[in-house]
């Protein structure tokens, strides 16, 4: 989501299978909850998230961001 006061964040999530995140409209900040690392993924960039890694997506902007996920369990 966008707008409002302060940033907007997804609930923490993880997957069975590796995940690739392609940012179509961004930037999107990917926050890794265990290591507390944050990565800014900009428009048309990709981030790889290994299986089982818990993360949150954060929108610090006042505009809508859009990302496309591909999750591949069992590879």
PDB file of N, CA and C in Angstrom:
ATOM      1  N   UNK A   1       0.824  -1.222   0.000  1.00  0.00           N
ATOM      2  CA  UNK A   1       0.000   0.000   0.000  1.00  0.00           C
ATOM      3  C   UNK A   1       0.852   1.263   0.000  1.00  0.00           C
ATOM      4  N   UNK A   2       0.246   2.365  -0.391  1.00  0.00           N
ATOM      5  CA  UNK A   2       0.930   3.651  -0.440  1.00  0.00           C
ATOM      6  C   UNK A   2       0.135   4.676   0.354  1.00  0.00           C
ATOM      7  N   UNK A   3       0.776   5.806   0.612  1.00  0.00           N
ATOM      8  CA  UNK A   3       0.090   6.914   1.271  1.00  0.00           C
ATOM      9  C   UNK A   3      -0.011   6.724   2.770  1.00  0.00           C
ATOM     10  N   UNK A   4      -0.678   7.655   3.415  1.00  0.00           N
ATOM     11  CA  UNK A   4      -0.816   7.587   4.861  1.00  0.00           C
ATOM     12  C   UNK A   4       0.377   8.211   5.550  1.00  0.00           C
ATOM     13  N   UNK A   5       0.412   8.052   6.855  1.00  0.00           N
ATOM     14  CA  UNK A   5       1.506   8.587   7.647  1.00  0.00           C
ATOM     15  C   UNK A   5       2.533   7.493   7.879  1.00  0.00           C
ATOM     16  N   UNK A   6       3.761   7.755   7.528  1.00  0.00           N
ATOM     17  CA  UNK A   6       4.820   6.771   7.715  1.00  0.00           C
ATOM     18  C   UNK A   6       4.849   5.741   6.598  1.00  0.00           C
ATOM     19  N   UNK A   7       5.735   4.778   6.741  1.00  0.00           N
ATOM     20  CA  UNK A   7       5.882   3.745   5.713  1.00  0.00           C
ATOM     21  C   UNK A   7       4.779   2.698   5.834  1.00  0.00           C
ATOM     22  N   UNK A   8       4.630   1.901   4.787  1.00  0.00           N
ATOM     23  CA  UNK A   8       3.693   0.783   4.759  1.00  0.00           C
ATOM     24  C   UNK A   8       4.516  -0.491   4.616  1.00  0.00           C
ATOM     25  N   UNK A   9       4.174  -1.520   5.391  1.00  0.00           N
ATOM     26  CA  UNK A   9       4.944  -2.759   5.370  1.00  0.00           C
ATOM     27  C   UNK A   9       4.020  -3.960   5.304  1.00  0.00           C
ATOM     28  N   UNK A  10       4.476  -4.992   4.608  1.00  0.00           N
ATOM     29  CA  UNK A  10       3.742  -6.249   4.573  1.00  0.00           C
ATOM     30  C   UNK A  10       3.975  -6.998   5.877  1.00  0.00           C
ATOM     31  N   UNK A  11       3.175  -8.009   6.111  1.00  0.00           N
ATOM     32  CA  UNK A  11       3.423  -8.915   7.228  1.00  0.00           C
ATOM     33  C   UNK A  11       4.676  -9.736   6.902  1.00  0.00           C
ATOM     34  N   UNK A  12       5.433 -10.189   7.908  1.00  0.00           N
ATOM     35  CA  UNK A  12       6.571 -11.065   7.628  1.00  0.00           C
ATOM     36  C   UNK A  12       6.099 -12.322   6.885  1.00  0.00           C
ATOM     37  N   UNK A  13       6.905 -12.782   5.938  1.00  0.00           N
ATOM     38  CA  UNK A  13       6.543 -13.924   5.106  1.00  0.00           C
ATOM     39  C   UNK A  13       7.796 -14.714   4.763  1.00  0.00           C
ATOM     40  N   UNK A  14       7.633 -15.989   4.476  1.00  0.00           N
ATOM     41  CA  UNK A  14       8.698 -16.841   3.941  1.00  0.00           C
ATOM     42  C   UNK A  14       8.032 -17.904   3.093  1.00  0.00           C
ATOM     43  N   UNK A  15       8.830 -18.606   2.298  1.00  0.00           N
ATOM     44  CA  UNK A  15       8.260 -19.563   1.350  1.00  0.00           C
ATOM     45  C   UNK A  15       9.025 -20.880   1.365  1.00  0.00           C
ATOM     46  N   UNK A  16       8.315 -21.951   0.990  1.00  0.00           N
ATOM     47  CA  UNK A  16       8.968 -23.212   0.664  1.00  0.00           C
ATOM     48  C   UNK A  16       9.364 -23.092  -0.794  1.00  0.00           C
ATOM     49  N   UNK A  17      10.608 -22.882  -1.037  1.00  0.00           N
ATOM     50  CA  UNK A  17      11.118 -22.658  -2.388  1.00  0.00           C
ATOM     51  C   UNK A  17      11.778 -21.300  -2.472  1.00  0.00           C
ATOM     52  N   UNK A  18      12.742 -21.201  -3.392  1.00  0.00           N
ATOM     53  CA  UNK A  18      13.417 -19.933  -3.627  1.00  0.00           C
ATOM     54  C   UNK A  18      12.458 -18.943  -4.279  1.00  0.00           C
ATOM     55  N   UNK A  19      12.692 -17.657  -4.026  1.00  0.00           N
ATOM     56  CA  UNK A  19      11.821 -16.600  -4.537  1.00  0.00           C
ATOM     57  C   UNK A  19      12.653 -15.587  -5.321  1.00  0.00           C
ATOM     58  N   UNK A  20      12.125 -15.142  -6.432  1.00  0.00           N
ATOM     59  CA  UNK A  20      12.710 -14.040  -7.185  1.00  0.00           C
ATOM     60  C   UNK A  20      11.674 -12.931  -7.225  1.00  0.00           C
ATOM     61  N   UNK A  21      12.097 -11.733  -6.853  1.00  0.00           N
ATOM     62  CA  UNK A  21      11.234 -10.559  -6.804  1.00  0.00           C
ATOM     63  C   UNK A  21      11.679  -9.586  -7.885  1.00  0.00           C
ATOM     64  N   UNK A  22      10.811  -9.287  -8.843  1.00  0.00           N
ATOM     65  CA  UNK A  22      11.088  -8.298  -9.887  1.00  0.00           C
ATOM     66  C   UNK A  22      10.259  -7.057  -9.595  1.00  0.00           C
ATOM     67  N   UNK A  23      10.916  -5.917  -9.451  1.00  0.00           N
ATOM     68  CA  UNK A  23      10.213  -4.673  -9.135  1.00  0.00           C
ATOM     69  C   UNK A  23       9.816  -3.979 -10.437  1.00  0.00           C
ATOM     70  N   UNK A  24       8.516  -3.921 -10.653  1.00  0.00           N
ATOM     71  CA  UNK A  24       7.989  -3.272 -11.847  1.00  0.00           C
ATOM     72  C   UNK A  24       7.833  -1.768 -11.632  1.00  0.00           C
ATOM     73  N   UNK A  25       7.418  -1.376 -10.428  1.00  0.00           N
ATOM     74  CA  UNK A  25       7.270   0.032 -10.089  1.00  0.00           C
ATOM     75  C   UNK A  25       7.737   0.190  -8.651  1.00  0.00           C
ATOM     76  N   UNK A  26       8.828   0.901  -8.446  1.00  0.00           N
ATOM     77  CA  UNK A  26       9.394   0.958  -7.114  1.00  0.00           C
ATOM     78  C   UNK A  26      10.004   2.304  -6.811  1.00  0.00           C
ATOM     79  N   UNK A  27      10.834   2.336  -5.805  1.00  0.00           N
ATOM     80  CA  UNK A  27      11.576   1.260  -5.159  1.00  0.00           C
ATOM     81  C   UNK A  27      10.777   0.564  -4.058  1.00  0.00           C
ATOM     82  N   UNK A  28      11.204  -0.660  -3.747  1.00  0.00           N
ATOM     83  CA  UNK A  28      10.662  -1.441  -2.646  1.00  0.00           C
ATOM     84  C   UNK A  28      11.843  -1.806  -1.745  1.00  0.00           C
ATOM     85  N   UNK A  29      11.655  -1.675  -0.453  1.00  0.00           N
ATOM     86  CA  UNK A  29      12.685  -2.092   0.489  1.00  0.00           C
ATOM     87  C   UNK A  29      12.333  -3.498   0.971  1.00  0.00           C
ATOM     88  N   UNK A  30      13.294  -4.406   0.865  1.00  0.00           N
ATOM     89  CA  UNK A  30      13.131  -5.779   1.351  1.00  0.00           C
ATOM     90  C   UNK A  30      13.909  -5.864   2.666  1.00  0.00           C
ATOM     91  N   UNK A  31      13.187  -6.145   3.752  1.00  0.00           N
ATOM     92  CA  UNK A  31      13.786  -6.233   5.083  1.00  0.00           C
ATOM     93  C   UNK A  31      13.824  -7.688   5.510  1.00  0.00           C
ATOM     94  N   UNK A  32      15.028  -8.200   5.787  1.00  0.00           N
ATOM     95  CA  UNK A  32      15.193  -9.575   6.247  1.00  0.00           C
ATOM     96  C   UNK A  32      15.103  -9.570   7.766  1.00  0.00           C
ATOM     97  N   UNK A  33      14.068 -10.218   8.302  1.00  0.00           N
ATOM     98  CA  UNK A  33      13.756 -10.088   9.724  1.00  0.00           C
ATOM     99  C   UNK A  33      14.809 -10.711  10.643  1.00  0.00           C
ATOM    100  N   UNK A  34      15.409 -11.816  10.246  1.00  0.00           N
ATOM    101  CA  UNK A  34      16.374 -12.493  11.124  1.00  0.00           C
ATOM    102  C   UNK A  34      17.682 -11.717  11.243  1.00  0.00           C
ATOM    103  N   UNK A  35      18.213 -11.246  10.112  1.00  0.00           N
ATOM    104  CA  UNK A  35      19.495 -10.544  10.109  1.00  0.00           C
ATOM    105  C   UNK A  35      19.332  -9.034  10.249  1.00  0.00           C
ATOM    106  N   UNK A  36      18.106  -8.553  10.124  1.00  0.00           N
ATOM    107  CA  UNK A  36      17.771  -7.130  10.163  1.00  0.00           C
ATOM    108  C   UNK A  36      18.509  -6.327   9.096  1.00  0.00           C
ATOM    109  N   UNK A  37      18.727  -6.956   7.938  1.00  0.00           N
ATOM    110  CA  UNK A  37      19.304  -6.273   6.784  1.00  0.00           C
ATOM    111  C   UNK A  37      18.182  -5.707   5.929  1.00  0.00           C
ATOM    112  N   UNK A  38      18.432  -4.578   5.298  1.00  0.00           N
ATOM    113  CA  UNK A  38      17.454  -3.959   4.411  1.00  0.00           C
ATOM    114  C   UNK A  38      18.104  -3.699   3.056  1.00  0.00           C
ATOM    115  N   UNK A  39      17.360  -4.017   1.990  1.00  0.00           N
ATOM    116  CA  UNK A  39      17.848  -3.828   0.627  1.00  0.00           C
ATOM    117  C   UNK A  39      16.832  -3.008  -0.160  1.00  0.00           C
ATOM    118  N   UNK A  40      17.284  -1.936  -0.790  1.00  0.00           N
ATOM    119  CA  UNK A  40      16.419  -1.147  -1.662  1.00  0.00           C
ATOM    120  C   UNK A  40      16.487  -1.738  -3.062  1.00  0.00           C
ATOM    121  N   UNK A  41      15.348  -2.204  -3.553  1.00  0.00           N
ATOM    122  CA  UNK A  41      15.275  -2.790  -4.888  1.00  0.00           C
ATOM    123  C   UNK A  41      14.530  -1.787  -5.759  1.00  0.00           C
ATOM    124  N   UNK A  42      15.206  -1.283  -6.763  1.00  0.00           N
ATOM    125  CA  UNK A  42      14.661  -0.214  -7.599  1.00  0.00           C
ATOM    126  C   UNK A  42      13.911  -0.775  -8.802  1.00  0.00           C
ATOM    127  N   UNK A  43      13.245   0.123  -9.500  1.00  0.00           N
ATOM    128  CA  UNK A  43      12.468  -0.236 -10.682  1.00  0.00           C
ATOM    129  C   UNK A  43      13.314  -1.043 -11.667  1.00  0.00           C
ATOM    130  N   UNK A  44      12.767  -2.168 -12.114  1.00  0.00           N
ATOM    131  CA  UNK A  44      13.375  -3.090 -13.075  1.00  0.00           C
ATOM    132  C   UNK A  44      14.585  -3.837 -12.523  1.00  0.00           C
ATOM    133  N   UNK A  45      14.748  -3.850 -11.202  1.00  0.00           N
ATOM    134  CA  UNK A  45      15.785  -4.668 -10.575  1.00  0.00           C
ATOM    135  C   UNK A  45      15.157  -5.936 -10.017  1.00  0.00           C
ATOM    136  N   UNK A  46      15.998  -6.921  -9.726  1.00  0.00           N
ATOM    137  CA  UNK A  46      15.556  -8.231  -9.239  1.00  0.00           C
ATOM    138  C   UNK A  46      16.290  -8.534  -7.933  1.00  0.00           C
ATOM    139  N   UNK A  47      15.593  -9.208  -7.016  1.00  0.00           N
ATOM    140  CA  UNK A  47      16.226  -9.699  -5.795  1.00  0.00           C
ATOM    141  C   UNK A  47      15.883 -11.165  -5.610  1.00  0.00           C
ATOM    142  N   UNK A  48      16.868 -11.940  -5.246  1.00  0.00           N
ATOM    143  CA  UNK A  48      16.712 -13.361  -4.955  1.00  0.00           C
ATOM    144  C   UNK A  48      16.554 -13.519  -3.449  1.00  0.00           C
ATOM    145  N   UNK A  49      15.528 -14.253  -3.024  1.00  0.00           N
ATOM    146  CA  UNK A  49      15.294 -14.537  -1.606  1.00  0.00           C
ATOM    147  C   UNK A  49      15.291 -16.057  -1.445  1.00  0.00           C
ATOM    148  N   UNK A  50      16.284 -16.617  -0.748  1.00  0.00           N
ATOM    149  CA  UNK A  50      16.368 -18.073  -0.599  1.00  0.00           C
ATOM    150  C   UNK A  50      15.182 -18.659   0.175  1.00  0.00           C
ATOM    151  N   UNK A  51      14.936 -19.919  -0.060  1.00  0.00           N
ATOM    152  CA  UNK A  51      13.873 -20.651   0.637  1.00  0.00           C
ATOM    153  C   UNK A  51      14.001 -20.498   2.149  1.00  0.00           C
ATOM    154  N   UNK A  52      12.876 -20.244   2.804  1.00  0.00           N
ATOM    155  CA  UNK A  52      12.827 -20.187   4.255  1.00  0.00           C
ATOM    156  C   UNK A  52      13.266 -18.877   4.884  1.00  0.00           C
ATOM    157  N   UNK A  53      13.781 -17.937   4.096  1.00  0.00           N
ATOM    158  CA  UNK A  53      14.210 -16.648   4.645  1.00  0.00           C
ATOM    159  C   UNK A  53      12.979 -15.771   4.849  1.00  0.00           C
ATOM    160  N   UNK A  54      12.791 -15.290   6.085  1.00  0.00           N
ATOM    161  CA  UNK A  54      11.636 -14.447   6.384  1.00  0.00           C
ATOM    162  C   UNK A  54      11.961 -12.997   6.034  1.00  0.00           C
ATOM    163  N   UNK A  55      11.010 -12.340   5.378  1.00  0.00           N
ATOM    164  CA  UNK A  55      11.221 -10.970   4.910  1.00  0.00           C
ATOM    165  C   UNK A  55       9.930 -10.169   5.023  1.00  0.00           C
ATOM    166  N   UNK A  56      10.075  -8.864   4.952  1.00  0.00           N
ATOM    167  CA  UNK A  56       8.950  -7.936   4.832  1.00  0.00           C
ATOM    168  C   UNK A  56       9.244  -7.011   3.667  1.00  0.00           C
ATOM    169  N   UNK A  57       8.194  -6.583   2.978  1.00  0.00           N
ATOM    170  CA  UNK A  57       8.316  -5.584   1.924  1.00  0.00           C
ATOM    171  C   UNK A  57       7.846  -4.256   2.494  1.00  0.00           C
ATOM    172  N   UNK A  58       8.640  -3.208   2.280  1.00  0.00           N
ATOM    173  CA  UNK A  58       8.325  -1.902   2.846  1.00  0.00           C
ATOM    174  C   UNK A  58       8.279  -0.859   1.739  1.00  0.00           C
ATOM    175  N   UNK A  59       7.218  -0.046   1.769  1.00  0.00           N
ATOM    176  CA  UNK A  59       7.066   1.064   0.833  1.00  0.00           C
ATOM    177  C   UNK A  59       7.245   2.358   1.616  1.00  0.00           C
ATOM    178  N   UNK A  60       8.342   3.064   1.372  1.00  0.00           N
ATOM    179  CA  UNK A  60       8.608   4.333   2.041  1.00  0.00           C
ATOM    180  C   UNK A  60       8.096   5.525   1.240  1.00  0.00           C
ATOM    181  N   UNK A  61       7.530   5.272   0.061  1.00  0.00           N
ATOM    182  CA  UNK A  61       7.077   6.364  -0.799  1.00  0.00           C
ATOM    183  C   UNK A  61       5.587   6.625  -0.605  1.00  0.00           C
ATOM    184  N   UNK A  62       5.111   7.676  -1.240  1.00  0.00           N
ATOM    185  CA  UNK A  62       3.684   8.000  -1.186  1.00  0.00           C
ATOM    186  C   UNK A  62       2.955   7.507  -2.424  1.00  0.00           C
ATOM    187  N   UNK A  63       3.638   6.722  -3.257  1.00  0.00           N
ATOM    188  CA  UNK A  63       3.021   6.178  -4.468  1.00  0.00           C
ATOM    189  C   UNK A  63       2.930   4.655  -4.376  1.00  0.00           C
ATOM    190  N   UNK A  64       2.116   4.074  -5.217  1.00  0.00           N
ATOM    191  CA  UNK A  64       1.961   2.621  -5.254  1.00  0.00           C
ATOM    192  C   UNK A  64       3.200   1.968  -5.854  1.00  0.00           C
ATOM    193  N   UNK A  65       3.650   0.881  -5.230  1.00  0.00           N
ATOM    194  CA  UNK A  65       4.750   0.097  -5.777  1.00  0.00           C
ATOM    195  C   UNK A  65       4.199  -1.248  -6.255  1.00  0.00           C
ATOM    196  N   UNK A  66       4.895  -1.866  -7.208  1.00  0.00           N
ATOM    197  CA  UNK A  66       4.415  -3.127  -7.769  1.00  0.00           C
ATOM    198  C   UNK A  66       5.596  -4.064  -8.003  1.00  0.00           C
ATOM    199  N   UNK A  67       5.431  -5.312  -7.548  1.00  0.00           N
ATOM    200  CA  UNK A  67       6.463  -6.322  -7.742  1.00  0.00           C
ATOM    201  C   UNK A  67       5.826  -7.616  -8.221  1.00  0.00           C
ATOM    202  N   UNK A  68       6.590  -8.375  -8.989  1.00  0.00           N
ATOM    203  CA  UNK A  68       6.152  -9.671  -9.493  1.00  0.00           C
ATOM    204  C   UNK A  68       7.039 -10.726  -8.831  1.00  0.00           C
ATOM    205  N   UNK A  69       6.398 -11.748  -8.237  1.00  0.00           N
ATOM    206  CA  UNK A  69       7.101 -12.823  -7.548  1.00  0.00           C
ATOM    207  C   UNK A  69       7.105 -14.078  -8.407  1.00  0.00           C
ATOM    208  N   UNK A  70       8.182 -14.825  -8.298  1.00  0.00           N
ATOM    209  CA  UNK A  70       8.247 -16.164  -8.848  1.00  0.00           C
ATOM    210  C   UNK A  70       8.842 -17.034  -7.749  1.00  0.00           C
ATOM    211  N   UNK A  71       8.075 -18.033  -7.308  1.00  0.00           N
ATOM    212  CA  UNK A  71       8.512 -18.916  -6.241  1.00  0.00           C
ATOM    213  C   UNK A  71       8.624 -20.337  -6.798  1.00  0.00           C
ATOM    214  N   UNK A  72       9.779 -20.976  -6.584  1.00  0.00           N
ATOM    215  CA  UNK A  72      10.033 -22.274  -7.165  1.00  0.00           C
ATOM    216  C   UNK A  72      10.325 -23.303  -6.074  1.00  0.00           C
ATOM    217  N   UNK A  73       9.292 -23.963  -5.529  1.00  0.00           N
ATOM    218  CA  UNK A  73       9.544 -24.987  -4.519  1.00  0.00           C
ATOM    219  C   UNK A  73      10.127 -26.243  -5.148  1.00  0.00           C
ATOM    220  N   UNK A  74      11.003 -26.889  -4.400  1.00  0.00           N
ATOM    221  CA  UNK A  74      11.512 -28.178  -4.833  1.00  0.00           C
ATOM    222  C   UNK A  74      12.602 -28.147  -5.879  1.00  0.00           C
ATOM    223  N   UNK A  75      13.204 -27.017  -6.136  1.00  0.00           N
ATOM    224  CA  UNK A  75      14.317 -26.984  -7.116  1.00  0.00           C
ATOM    225  C   UNK A  75      15.644 -27.173  -6.442  1.00  0.00           C
TER     226      UNK A  75
END
